Amino acid sequence: MPALAVTFDDVARAAERLRGVAHRTPAITSATLDERTGAQVFLKAENLQRMGAFKFRGAYNRLVQLDPAARARGVVAFSSGNHAQGVALAAKLLGIPAAIVMPTDAPAAKLAATRGYGAEVVLYDRFTMNRAEIAQTLAAERGATLVPPFDDPAIIAGQGTAALELIEDVGPLDVLLVCTGGGGLLSGCALAATKLSPGIAVYGVEPEAGDDWVQSLARNERVTIPVPDTIADGMQTQSPGELTFPIVQALCAGVVTVSDEELRDAMRFAFERLKLVIEPSGVAGLAAALTGRVDVRGKRVGVTLSGGNIDAATFARLIA
């Protein structure tokens, strides 16, 4: 196997840094879900993480390693919402100035939360402007550290602690289903899961409209697609990460897609049966289990519920 940018040891060290800072979110079970899927399913409820999503793990792991001079110069990030909030909260906890580049159509709740944690928000049009370029320019002007949403070793390692905790808490798994945008959570979880549960099949799950991972794996190279038209705003990435792609290639069983309607059904199931509010991006793995997109019958299955940051009006409209 080729040398990868991140190792399991990096994930283990991230877990130590996060101990007592990030929530150790629960592994939730449901008899109804087990009956529907024919499997024994364990849901890693990252919607209950600090700031409402797994993104806090990677953001804190990245920022806590900055030296005092870098902390004083601040950080710049770009995100549609959850990474923005993760960086903003981590920066607040560590006393670091933060500026976040966010799209004008980002959910209002995510914009408000990012500002609420004390970060400066810089808005851009996601359909006509390049967020990475804007953030790079801003970071260069300020001498700040750029904190990308997924393509960074410390970010990947931090996200992988979600799977590390899940397997430590519930034991070995046969299958792990992971919500997938740029691949930070997927690659990090794959590093942890394949080490702690040998033989496990790790699958990423992305929206049908944003199938950049499926296309890229089929072509054995990173493919770039237009901005996906999907209700999963946290999965509107256009290409796998430069660092995440080889990790997924090496360690994962594949990536599957689910439709927006299947995401709505999974949101409704989580609300009615599990009493959990999950945003569309956060239920992709659950949707794949419920629809049989991955055959999980007779298996012990882990599923990431990656976030719950959605305003009440939008949530009500989507599950109505």
C-alpha atoms as a PDB file:
ATOM      1  CA  MET A   1       0.000   0.000   0.000  1.00  0.00           C
ATOM      2  CA  PRO A   2       1.372   3.480  -0.824  1.00  0.00           C
ATOM      3  CA  ALA A   3       2.404   5.765   2.037  1.00  0.00           C
ATOM      4  CA  LEU A   4      -0.593   7.801   3.165  1.00  0.00           C
ATOM      5  CA  ALA A   5      -0.598  11.365   4.507  1.00  0.00           C
ATOM      6  CA  VAL A   6      -2.226  10.283   7.776  1.00  0.00           C
ATOM      7  CA  THR A   7      -1.855   7.147   9.924  1.00  0.00           C
ATOM      8  CA  PHE A   8      -3.827   5.490  12.705  1.00  0.00           C
ATOM      9  CA  ASP A   9      -1.261   6.813  15.184  1.00  0.00           C
ATOM     10  CA  ASP A  10      -2.237  10.338  14.113  1.00  0.00           C
ATOM     11  CA  VAL A  11      -5.870   9.527  14.911  1.00  0.00           C
ATOM     12  CA  ALA A  12      -4.889   8.092  18.313  1.00  0.00           C
ATOM     13  CA  ARG A  13      -2.898  11.243  19.161  1.00  0.00           C
ATOM     14  CA  ALA A  14      -5.851  13.389  18.068  1.00  0.00           C
ATOM     15  CA  ALA A  15      -8.082  11.444  20.459  1.00  0.00           C
ATOM     16  CA  GLU A  16      -5.760  12.372  23.329  1.00  0.00           C
ATOM     17  CA  ARG A  17      -5.893  16.069  22.394  1.00  0.00           C
ATOM     18  CA  LEU A  18      -9.690  15.948  22.205  1.00  0.00           C
ATOM     19  CA  ARG A  19     -10.160  14.069  25.480  1.00  0.00           C
ATOM     20  CA  GLY A  20     -12.218  16.224  27.824  1.00  0.00           C
ATOM     21  CA  VAL A  21     -12.768  18.862  25.122  1.00  0.00           C
ATOM     22  CA  ALA A  22     -14.928  17.160  22.479  1.00  0.00           C
ATOM     23  CA  HIS A  23     -18.016  15.270  23.613  1.00  0.00           C
ATOM     24  CA  ARG A  24     -17.770  11.489  23.517  1.00  0.00           C
ATOM     25  CA  THR A  25     -21.043  11.206  21.625  1.00  0.00           C
ATOM     26  CA  PRO A  26     -23.299   8.212  22.254  1.00  0.00           C
ATOM     27  CA  ALA A  27     -23.766   5.141  20.081  1.00  0.00           C
ATOM     28  CA  ILE A  28     -27.528   4.944  19.636  1.00  0.00           C
ATOM     29  CA  THR A  29     -29.447   1.762  18.830  1.00  0.00           C
ATOM     30  CA  SER A  30     -33.004   1.149  17.672  1.00  0.00           C
ATOM     31  CA  ALA A  31     -34.947  -2.120  17.557  1.00  0.00           C
ATOM     32  CA  THR A  32     -37.049  -0.666  14.725  1.00  0.00           C
ATOM     33  CA  LEU A  33     -33.952   0.205  12.725  1.00  0.00           C
ATOM     34  CA  ASP A  34     -32.475  -3.259  13.285  1.00  0.00           C
ATOM     35  CA  GLU A  35     -35.733  -4.823  12.103  1.00  0.00           C
ATOM     36  CA  ARG A  36     -35.917  -2.582   9.026  1.00  0.00           C
ATOM     37  CA  THR A  37     -32.325  -3.333   7.981  1.00  0.00           C
ATOM     38  CA  GLY A  38     -31.931  -6.906   9.190  1.00  0.00           C
ATOM     39  CA  ALA A  39     -28.741  -5.786  10.920  1.00  0.00           C
ATOM     40  CA  GLN A  40     -27.459  -4.715  14.320  1.00  0.00           C
ATOM     41  CA  VAL A  41     -26.910  -0.979  13.818  1.00  0.00           C
ATOM     42  CA  PHE A  42     -24.968   1.462  15.982  1.00  0.00           C
ATOM     43  CA  LEU A  43     -25.440   5.161  15.198  1.00  0.00           C
ATOM     44  CA  LYS A  44     -22.588   7.520  16.141  1.00  0.00           C
ATOM     45  CA  ALA A  45     -24.611  10.629  17.038  1.00  0.00           C
ATOM     46  CA  GLU A  46     -22.285  13.472  16.061  1.00  0.00           C
ATOM     47  CA  ASN A  47     -25.314  15.761  15.893  1.00  0.00           C
ATOM     48  CA  LEU A  48     -24.813  15.825  19.667  1.00  0.00           C
ATOM     49  CA  GLN A  49     -21.180  16.935  19.343  1.00  0.00           C
ATOM     50  CA  ARG A  50     -20.140  20.440  20.384  1.00  0.00           C
ATOM     51  CA  MET A  51     -21.442  22.947  17.755  1.00  0.00           C
ATOM     52  CA  GLY A  52     -23.663  20.171  16.434  1.00  0.00           C
ATOM     53  CA  ALA A  53     -21.354  18.221  14.108  1.00  0.00           C
ATOM     54  CA  PHE A  54     -18.216  16.076  13.846  1.00  0.00           C
ATOM     55  CA  LYS A  55     -16.332  19.032  12.358  1.00  0.00           C
ATOM     56  CA  PHE A  56     -15.334  20.250  15.828  1.00  0.00           C
ATOM     57  CA  ARG A  57     -13.010  17.260  16.156  1.00  0.00           C
ATOM     58  CA  GLY A  58     -10.794  18.115  13.203  1.00  0.00           C
ATOM     59  CA  ALA A  59     -10.905  21.859  13.757  1.00  0.00           C
ATOM     60  CA  TYR A  60      -9.781  21.647  17.375  1.00  0.00           C
ATOM     61  CA  ASN A  61      -7.090  19.077  16.576  1.00  0.00           C
ATOM     62  CA  ARG A  62      -5.699  21.456  13.933  1.00  0.00           C
ATOM     63  CA  LEU A  63      -5.846  24.671  15.940  1.00  0.00           C
ATOM     64  CA  VAL A  64      -4.553  23.300  19.246  1.00  0.00           C
ATOM     65  CA  GLN A  65      -1.267  22.404  17.531  1.00  0.00           C
ATOM     66  CA  LEU A  66      -0.546  25.995  16.421  1.00  0.00           C
ATOM     67  CA  ASP A  67       2.359  27.701  18.188  1.00  0.00           C
ATOM     68  CA  PRO A  68       1.773  30.977  20.097  1.00  0.00           C
ATOM     69  CA  ALA A  69       2.950  33.178  17.205  1.00  0.00           C
ATOM     70  CA  ALA A  70       0.614  31.444  14.722  1.00  0.00           C
ATOM     71  CA  ARG A  71      -2.271  31.688  17.182  1.00  0.00           C
ATOM     72  CA  ALA A  72      -1.725  35.435  17.493  1.00  0.00           C
ATOM     73  CA  ARG A  73      -1.873  35.875  13.702  1.00  0.00           C
ATOM     74  CA  GLY A  74      -5.184  34.032  13.546  1.00  0.00           C
ATOM     75  CA  VAL A  75      -6.773  31.485  11.226  1.00  0.00           C
ATOM     76  CA  VAL A  76      -8.831  31.604   8.035  1.00  0.00           C
ATOM     77  CA  ALA A  77     -11.217  28.845   6.954  1.00  0.00           C
ATOM     78  CA  PHE A  78     -13.762  28.293   4.184  1.00  0.00           C
ATOM     79  CA  SER A  79     -16.953  26.308   4.660  1.00  0.00           C
ATOM     80  CA  SER A  80     -20.664  26.081   3.888  1.00  0.00           C
ATOM     81  CA  GLY A  81     -21.426  25.780   7.572  1.00  0.00           C
ATOM     82  CA  ASN A  82     -20.260  23.021   9.895  1.00  0.00           C
ATOM     83  CA  HIS A  83     -16.504  23.428   9.418  1.00  0.00           C
ATOM     84  CA  ALA A  84     -17.092  27.159   9.834  1.00  0.00           C
ATOM     85  CA  GLN A  85     -18.733  26.589  13.200  1.00  0.00           C
ATOM     86  CA  GLY A  86     -16.117  24.026  14.229  1.00  0.00           C
ATOM     87  CA  VAL A  87     -13.235  26.405  13.519  1.00  0.00           C
ATOM     88  CA  ALA A  88     -15.077  29.329  15.111  1.00  0.00           C
ATOM     89  CA  LEU A  89     -15.704  27.408  18.344  1.00  0.00           C
ATOM     90  CA  ALA A  90     -12.206  25.912  18.494  1.00  0.00           C
ATOM     91  CA  ALA A  91     -10.731  29.378  17.904  1.00  0.00           C
ATOM     92  CA  LYS A  92     -12.889  30.845  20.670  1.00  0.00           C
ATOM     93  CA  LEU A  93     -11.792  28.152  23.132  1.00  0.00           C
ATOM     94  CA  LEU A  94      -8.123  28.716  22.272  1.00  0.00           C
ATOM     95  CA  GLY A  95      -8.233  32.514  22.042  1.00  0.00           C
ATOM     96  CA  ILE A  96      -7.420  32.630  18.327  1.00  0.00           C
ATOM     97  CA  PRO A  97      -8.861  35.269  15.923  1.00  0.00           C
ATOM     98  CA  ALA A  98     -10.827  33.540  13.125  1.00  0.00           C
ATOM     99  CA  ALA A  99     -12.206  34.649   9.761  1.00  0.00           C
ATOM    100  CA  ILE A 100     -14.482  32.266   7.864  1.00  0.00           C
ATOM    101  CA  VAL A 101     -15.299  32.453   4.141  1.00  0.00           C
ATOM    102  CA  MET A 102     -18.922  31.286   3.737  1.00  0.00           C
ATOM    103  CA  PRO A 103     -21.350  31.217   0.770  1.00  0.00           C
ATOM    104  CA  THR A 104     -24.144  33.764   0.610  1.00  0.00           C
ATOM    105  CA  ASP A 105     -26.665  30.896   0.492  1.00  0.00           C
ATOM    106  CA  ALA A 106     -25.317  29.134   3.600  1.00  0.00           C
ATOM    107  CA  PRO A 107     -28.118  28.201   6.024  1.00  0.00           C
ATOM    108  CA  ALA A 108     -28.991  31.165   8.228  1.00  0.00           C
ATOM    109  CA  ALA A 109     -28.615  29.073  11.373  1.00  0.00           C
ATOM    110  CA  LYS A 110     -25.038  28.152  10.437  1.00  0.00           C
ATOM    111  CA  LEU A 111     -24.135  31.763   9.626  1.00  0.00           C
ATOM    112  CA  ALA A 112     -25.610  32.948  12.924  1.00  0.00           C
ATOM    113  CA  ALA A 113     -23.819  30.266  14.935  1.00  0.00           C
ATOM    114  CA  THR A 114     -20.467  31.021  13.283  1.00  0.00           C
ATOM    115  CA  ARG A 115     -20.813  34.705  14.129  1.00  0.00           C
ATOM    116  CA  GLY A 116     -22.094  33.766  17.571  1.00  0.00           C
ATOM    117  CA  TYR A 117     -18.830  31.986  18.364  1.00  0.00           C
ATOM    118  CA  GLY A 118     -17.025  35.250  17.628  1.00  0.00           C
ATOM    119  CA  ALA A 119     -15.670  34.608  14.131  1.00  0.00           C
ATOM    120  CA  GLU A 120     -15.608  37.166  11.320  1.00  0.00           C
ATOM    121  CA  VAL A 121     -17.686  35.966   8.345  1.00  0.00           C
ATOM    122  CA  VAL A 122     -16.639  36.846   4.770  1.00  0.00           C
ATOM    123  CA  LEU A 123     -19.405  36.068   2.264  1.00  0.00           C
ATOM    124  CA  TYR A 124     -18.991  34.897  -1.363  1.00  0.00           C
ATOM    125  CA  ASP A 125     -21.149  33.569  -4.232  1.00  0.00           C
ATOM    126  CA  ARG A 126     -20.476  29.826  -4.492  1.00  0.00           C
ATOM    127  CA  PHE A 127     -21.603  29.697  -8.142  1.00  0.00           C
ATOM    128  CA  THR A 128     -19.311  32.433  -9.473  1.00  0.00           C
ATOM    129  CA  MET A 129     -16.421  32.690  -6.998  1.00  0.00           C
ATOM    130  CA  ASN A 130     -13.727  30.298  -5.711  1.00  0.00           C
ATOM    131  CA  ARG A 131     -13.841  30.035  -1.928  1.00  0.00           C
ATOM    132  CA  ALA A 132     -10.393  28.485  -1.591  1.00  0.00           C
ATOM    133  CA  GLU A 133      -8.792  31.312  -3.547  1.00  0.00           C
ATOM    134  CA  ILE A 134     -10.587  33.944  -1.456  1.00  0.00           C
ATOM    135  CA  ALA A 135      -9.454  32.262   1.761  1.00  0.00           C
ATOM    136  CA  GLN A 136      -5.863  31.875   0.528  1.00  0.00           C
ATOM    137  CA  THR A 137      -5.690  35.566  -0.376  1.00  0.00           C
ATOM    138  CA  LEU A 138      -7.148  36.572   2.983  1.00  0.00           C
ATOM    139  CA  ALA A 139      -4.717  34.338   4.882  1.00  0.00           C
ATOM    140  CA  ALA A 140      -1.752  35.703   2.924  1.00  0.00           C
ATOM    141  CA  GLU A 141      -2.784  39.308   3.577  1.00  0.00           C
ATOM    142  CA  ARG A 142      -3.101  38.699   7.305  1.00  0.00           C
ATOM    143  CA  GLY A 143      -0.273  36.222   7.807  1.00  0.00           C
ATOM    144  CA  ALA A 144      -2.926  33.845   9.146  1.00  0.00           C
ATOM    145  CA  THR A 145      -3.005  30.035   9.026  1.00  0.00           C
ATOM    146  CA  LEU A 146      -5.356  28.538   6.427  1.00  0.00           C
ATOM    147  CA  VAL A 147      -7.531  25.750   7.860  1.00  0.00           C
ATOM    148  CA  PRO A 148      -9.136  23.779   4.986  1.00  0.00           C
ATOM    149  CA  PRO A 149     -12.351  21.834   5.602  1.00  0.00           C
ATOM    150  CA  PHE A 150     -10.998  18.352   4.876  1.00  0.00           C
ATOM    151  CA  ASP A 151      -7.694  18.261   3.005  1.00  0.00           C
ATOM    152  CA  ASP A 152      -5.346  18.588   5.985  1.00  0.00           C
ATOM    153  CA  PRO A 153      -3.639  15.789   7.977  1.00  0.00           C
ATOM    154  CA  ALA A 154      -4.696  17.170  11.372  1.00  0.00           C
ATOM    155  CA  ILE A 155      -8.290  17.645  10.203  1.00  0.00           C
ATOM    156  CA  ILE A 156      -8.454  14.080   8.867  1.00  0.00           C
ATOM    157  CA  ALA A 157      -6.953  12.656  12.061  1.00  0.00           C
ATOM    158  CA  GLY A 158      -9.393  14.570  14.235  1.00  0.00           C
ATOM    159  CA  GLN A 159     -12.422  13.384  12.267  1.00  0.00           C
ATOM    160  CA  GLY A 160     -11.230   9.789  12.545  1.00  0.00           C
ATOM    161  CA  THR A 161     -11.710   9.891  16.305  1.00  0.00           C
ATOM    162  CA  ALA A 162     -15.458   9.457  15.712  1.00  0.00           C
ATOM    163  CA  ALA A 163     -14.935   5.903  14.420  1.00  0.00           C
ATOM    164  CA  LEU A 164     -12.267   5.213  17.028  1.00  0.00           C
ATOM    165  CA  GLU A 165     -14.728   6.024  19.811  1.00  0.00           C
ATOM    166  CA  LEU A 166     -17.557   4.085  18.188  1.00  0.00           C
ATOM    167  CA  ILE A 167     -15.555   0.870  17.915  1.00  0.00           C
ATOM    168  CA  GLU A 168     -14.085   1.292  21.397  1.00  0.00           C
ATOM    169  CA  ASP A 169     -17.633   1.638  22.750  1.00  0.00           C
ATOM    170  CA  VAL A 170     -19.514  -1.077  20.822  1.00  0.00           C
ATOM    171  CA  GLY A 171     -16.795  -3.503  19.692  1.00  0.00           C
ATOM    172  CA  PRO A 172     -15.791  -4.785  16.239  1.00  0.00           C
ATOM    173  CA  LEU A 173     -17.985  -3.961  13.253  1.00  0.00           C
ATOM    174  CA  ASP A 174     -18.544  -5.649   9.895  1.00  0.00           C
ATOM    175  CA  VAL A 175     -19.572  -2.483   8.010  1.00  0.00           C
ATOM    176  CA  LEU A 176     -19.177   1.254   8.578  1.00  0.00           C
ATOM    177  CA  LEU A 177     -21.272   3.779   6.606  1.00  0.00           C
ATOM    178  CA  VAL A 178     -19.850   7.313   6.576  1.00  0.00           C
ATOM    179  CA  CYS A 179     -21.388  10.567   5.313  1.00  0.00           C
ATOM    180  CA  THR A 180     -19.060  11.929   2.624  1.00  0.00           C
ATOM    181  CA  GLY A 181     -18.382  15.397   1.235  1.00  0.00           C
ATOM    182  CA  GLY A 182     -14.692  16.100   0.709  1.00  0.00           C
ATOM    183  CA  GLY A 183     -13.713  12.907   2.478  1.00  0.00           C
ATOM    184  CA  GLY A 184     -12.188  14.126   5.742  1.00  0.00           C
ATOM    185  CA  LEU A 185     -14.574  12.091   7.894  1.00  0.00           C
ATOM    186  CA  LEU A 186     -14.506   9.101   5.536  1.00  0.00           C
ATOM    187  CA  SER A 187     -10.720   8.888   5.302  1.00  0.00           C
ATOM    188  CA  GLY A 188     -10.191   9.490   9.016  1.00  0.00           C
ATOM    189  CA  CYS A 189     -12.804   6.917   9.986  1.00  0.00           C
ATOM    190  CA  ALA A 190     -11.333   4.414   7.515  1.00  0.00           C
ATOM    191  CA  LEU A 191      -7.912   4.761   9.171  1.00  0.00           C
ATOM    192  CA  ALA A 192      -9.398   4.100  12.611  1.00  0.00           C
ATOM    193  CA  ALA A 193     -11.881   1.407  11.636  1.00  0.00           C
ATOM    194  CA  THR A 194      -9.548  -0.761   9.551  1.00  0.00           C
ATOM    195  CA  LYS A 195      -7.002  -0.725  12.386  1.00  0.00           C
ATOM    196  CA  LEU A 196      -9.416  -1.460  15.227  1.00  0.00           C
ATOM    197  CA  SER A 197     -11.775  -3.781  13.344  1.00  0.00           C
ATOM    198  CA  PRO A 198      -9.751  -5.783  10.762  1.00  0.00           C
ATOM    199  CA  GLY A 199     -11.827  -6.975   7.821  1.00  0.00           C
ATOM    200  CA  ILE A 200     -14.387  -4.182   8.150  1.00  0.00           C
ATOM    201  CA  ALA A 201     -15.948  -2.819   4.944  1.00  0.00           C
ATOM    202  CA  VAL A 202     -16.021   0.988   5.073  1.00  0.00           C
ATOM    203  CA  TYR A 203     -18.334   2.786   2.631  1.00  0.00           C
ATOM    204  CA  GLY A 204     -18.756   6.473   1.949  1.00  0.00           C
ATOM    205  CA  VAL A 205     -22.223   7.799   1.126  1.00  0.00           C
ATOM    206  CA  GLU A 206     -22.774  10.938  -0.987  1.00  0.00           C
ATOM    207  CA  PRO A 207     -25.825  12.526  -2.686  1.00  0.00           C
ATOM    208  CA  GLU A 208     -26.757  11.397  -6.187  1.00  0.00           C
ATOM    209  CA  ALA A 209     -26.400  14.948  -7.482  1.00  0.00           C
ATOM    210  CA  GLY A 210     -22.873  15.185  -6.074  1.00  0.00           C
ATOM    211  CA  ASP A 211     -21.302  11.905  -7.159  1.00  0.00           C
ATOM    212  CA  ASP A 212     -17.731  13.171  -7.513  1.00  0.00           C
ATOM    213  CA  TRP A 213     -16.420  10.297  -5.379  1.00  0.00           C
ATOM    214  CA  VAL A 214     -18.225   7.619  -7.369  1.00  0.00           C
ATOM    215  CA  GLN A 215     -16.918   9.081 -10.632  1.00  0.00           C
ATOM    216  CA  SER A 216     -13.403   9.548  -9.277  1.00  0.00           C
ATOM    217  CA  LEU A 217     -13.089   6.003  -7.927  1.00  0.00           C
ATOM    218  CA  ALA A 218     -14.425   4.593 -11.205  1.00  0.00           C
ATOM    219  CA  ARG A 219     -11.825   6.543 -13.196  1.00  0.00           C
ATOM    220  CA  ASN A 220      -9.039   6.060 -10.656  1.00  0.00           C
ATOM    221  CA  GLU A 221      -8.419   9.811 -10.592  1.00  0.00           C
ATOM    222  CA  ARG A 222      -9.936  12.848  -8.913  1.00  0.00           C
ATOM    223  CA  VAL A 223     -12.869  14.212 -10.952  1.00  0.00           C
ATOM    224  CA  THR A 224     -14.298  17.716 -10.568  1.00  0.00           C
ATOM    225  CA  ILE A 225     -18.044  18.273 -11.019  1.00  0.00           C
ATOM    226  CA  PRO A 226     -20.252  21.403 -10.982  1.00  0.00           C
ATOM    227  CA  VAL A 227     -21.653  22.552  -7.636  1.00  0.00           C
ATOM    228  CA  PRO A 228     -24.200  19.815  -6.779  1.00  0.00           C
ATOM    229  CA  ASP A 229     -27.887  20.738  -6.625  1.00  0.00           C
ATOM    230  CA  THR A 230     -28.862  18.859  -3.443  1.00  0.00           C
ATOM    231  CA  ILE A 231     -30.564  19.508  -0.113  1.00  0.00           C
ATOM    232  CA  ALA A 232     -27.378  18.198   1.531  1.00  0.00           C
ATOM    233  CA  ASP A 233     -25.650  21.595   1.800  1.00  0.00           C
ATOM    234  CA  GLY A 234     -22.698  20.075   3.651  1.00  0.00           C
ATOM    235  CA  MET A 235     -22.012  17.786   0.699  1.00  0.00           C
ATOM    236  CA  GLN A 236     -21.835  20.342  -2.096  1.00  0.00           C
ATOM    237  CA  THR A 237     -18.146  19.649  -2.635  1.00  0.00           C
ATOM    238  CA  GLN A 238     -16.977  19.342  -6.223  1.00  0.00           C
ATOM    239  CA  SER A 239     -14.010  16.982  -5.969  1.00  0.00           C
ATOM    240  CA  PRO A 240     -12.397  14.524  -3.529  1.00  0.00           C
ATOM    241  CA  GLY A 241      -9.490  15.894  -1.551  1.00  0.00           C
ATOM    242  CA  GLU A 242      -5.904  15.487  -2.692  1.00  0.00           C
ATOM    243  CA  LEU A 243      -5.032  13.823   0.639  1.00  0.00           C
ATOM    244  CA  THR A 244      -8.345  12.073   1.298  1.00  0.00           C
ATOM    245  CA  PHE A 245      -8.652  10.384  -2.108  1.00  0.00           C
ATOM    246  CA  PRO A 246      -5.659   8.001  -1.793  1.00  0.00           C
ATOM    247  CA  ILE A 247      -6.688   7.023   1.743  1.00  0.00           C
ATOM    248  CA  VAL A 248     -10.182   6.119   0.549  1.00  0.00           C
ATOM    249  CA  GLN A 249      -8.765   4.275  -2.461  1.00  0.00           C
ATOM    250  CA  ALA A 250      -6.519   2.215  -0.220  1.00  0.00           C
ATOM    251  CA  LEU A 251      -8.834   1.458   2.708  1.00  0.00           C
ATOM    252  CA  CYS A 252     -12.498   1.736   1.689  1.00  0.00           C
ATOM    253  CA  ALA A 253     -14.824  -0.777   0.043  1.00  0.00           C
ATOM    254  CA  GLY A 254     -16.444   1.947  -2.055  1.00  0.00           C
ATOM    255  CA  VAL A 255     -18.765   4.939  -2.144  1.00  0.00           C
ATOM    256  CA  VAL A 256     -22.509   4.782  -2.847  1.00  0.00           C
ATOM    257  CA  THR A 257     -25.120   7.467  -3.494  1.00  0.00           C
ATOM    258  CA  VAL A 258     -28.555   8.287  -2.097  1.00  0.00           C
ATOM    259  CA  SER A 259     -31.244  10.581  -3.507  1.00  0.00           C
ATOM    260  CA  ASP A 260     -32.549  13.739  -1.874  1.00  0.00           C
ATOM    261  CA  GLU A 261     -35.865  11.979  -1.319  1.00  0.00           C
ATOM    262  CA  GLU A 262     -34.061   9.152   0.496  1.00  0.00           C
ATOM    263  CA  LEU A 263     -32.284  11.747   2.632  1.00  0.00           C
ATOM    264  CA  ARG A 264     -35.675  13.241   3.543  1.00  0.00           C
ATOM    265  CA  ASP A 265     -37.013   9.789   4.438  1.00  0.00           C
ATOM    266  CA  ALA A 266     -33.996   9.144   6.662  1.00  0.00           C
ATOM    267  CA  MET A 267     -34.410  12.531   8.375  1.00  0.00           C
ATOM    268  CA  ARG A 268     -38.045  11.675   9.034  1.00  0.00           C
ATOM    269  CA  PHE A 269     -37.138   8.212  10.374  1.00  0.00           C
ATOM    270  CA  ALA A 270     -34.508   9.684  12.723  1.00  0.00           C
ATOM    271  CA  PHE A 271     -36.999  12.244  14.018  1.00  0.00           C
ATOM    272  CA  GLU A 272     -39.989   9.935  14.445  1.00  0.00           C
ATOM    273  CA  ARG A 273     -38.229   6.763  15.631  1.00  0.00           C
ATOM    274  CA  LEU A 274     -34.999   7.960  17.233  1.00  0.00           C
ATOM    275  CA  LYS A 275     -36.162  11.412  18.408  1.00  0.00           C
ATOM    276  CA  LEU A 276     -33.113  12.969  16.732  1.00  0.00           C
ATOM    277  CA  VAL A 277     -32.924  16.087  14.551  1.00  0.00           C
ATOM    278  CA  ILE A 278     -30.366  15.448  11.784  1.00  0.00           C
ATOM    279  CA  GLU A 279     -29.536  17.729   8.855  1.00  0.00           C
ATOM    280  CA  PRO A 280     -29.680  16.262   5.304  1.00  0.00           C
ATOM    281  CA  SER A 281     -25.903  15.741   5.052  1.00  0.00           C
ATOM    282  CA  GLY A 282     -25.940  13.979   8.392  1.00  0.00           C
ATOM    283  CA  VAL A 283     -28.324  11.166   7.435  1.00  0.00           C
ATOM    284  CA  ALA A 284     -26.589   9.945   4.273  1.00  0.00           C
ATOM    285  CA  GLY A 285     -25.207   6.840   5.991  1.00  0.00           C
ATOM    286  CA  LEU A 286     -28.551   6.088   7.615  1.00  0.00           C
ATOM    287  CA  ALA A 287     -30.278   6.488   4.233  1.00  0.00           C
ATOM    288  CA  ALA A 288     -27.887   3.969   2.680  1.00  0.00           C
ATOM    289  CA  ALA A 289     -28.696   1.452   5.423  1.00  0.00           C
ATOM    290  CA  LEU A 290     -32.462   1.981   5.202  1.00  0.00           C
ATOM    291  CA  THR A 291     -32.561   1.661   1.402  1.00  0.00           C
ATOM    292  CA  GLY A 292     -30.224  -1.328   1.233  1.00  0.00           C
ATOM    293  CA  ARG A 293     -27.781   0.632  -0.919  1.00  0.00           C
ATOM    294  CA  VAL A 294     -25.176  -1.359   0.980  1.00  0.00           C
ATOM    295  CA  ASP A 295     -26.179  -4.904   1.959  1.00  0.00           C
ATOM    296  CA  VAL A 296     -25.948  -4.951   5.759  1.00  0.00           C
ATOM    297  CA  ARG A 297     -28.244  -7.898   6.521  1.00  0.00           C
ATOM    298  CA  GLY A 298     -26.984 -10.071   9.359  1.00  0.00           C
ATOM    299  CA  LYS A 299     -24.073  -7.726  10.102  1.00  0.00           C
ATOM    300  CA  ARG A 300     -22.879  -5.412  12.862  1.00  0.00           C
ATOM    301  CA  VAL A 301     -23.041  -1.974  11.306  1.00  0.00           C
ATOM    302  CA  GLY A 302     -21.753   1.433  12.352  1.00  0.00           C
ATOM    303  CA  VAL A 303     -23.329   4.577  10.876  1.00  0.00           C
ATOM    304  CA  THR A 304     -22.177   8.165  11.316  1.00  0.00           C
ATOM    305  CA  LEU A 305     -24.877  10.753  11.958  1.00  0.00           C
ATOM    306  CA  SER A 306     -22.558  13.578  11.065  1.00  0.00           C
ATOM    307  CA  GLY A 307     -24.487  16.682  12.123  1.00  0.00           C
ATOM    308  CA  GLY A 308     -27.732  18.287  13.193  1.00  0.00           C
ATOM    309  CA  ASN A 309     -27.301  21.941  12.257  1.00  0.00           C
ATOM    310  CA  ILE A 310     -30.543  22.884  10.562  1.00  0.00           C
ATOM    311  CA  ASP A 311     -33.088  25.570  11.396  1.00  0.00           C
ATOM    312  CA  ALA A 312     -36.575  24.546  12.497  1.00  0.00           C
ATOM    313  CA  ALA A 313     -38.402  25.945   9.457  1.00  0.00           C
ATOM    314  CA  THR A 314     -36.179  24.172   6.938  1.00  0.00           C
ATOM    315  CA  PHE A 315     -36.313  20.943   8.901  1.00  0.00           C
ATOM    316  CA  ALA A 316     -40.108  21.046   9.049  1.00  0.00           C
ATOM    317  CA  ARG A 317     -40.354  21.762   5.323  1.00  0.00           C
ATOM    318  CA  LEU A 318     -38.014  18.920   4.345  1.00  0.00           C
ATOM    319  CA  ILE A 319     -39.731  16.216   6.404  1.00  0.00           C
ATOM    320  CA  ALA A 320     -43.314  17.409   5.810  1.00  0.00           C
END
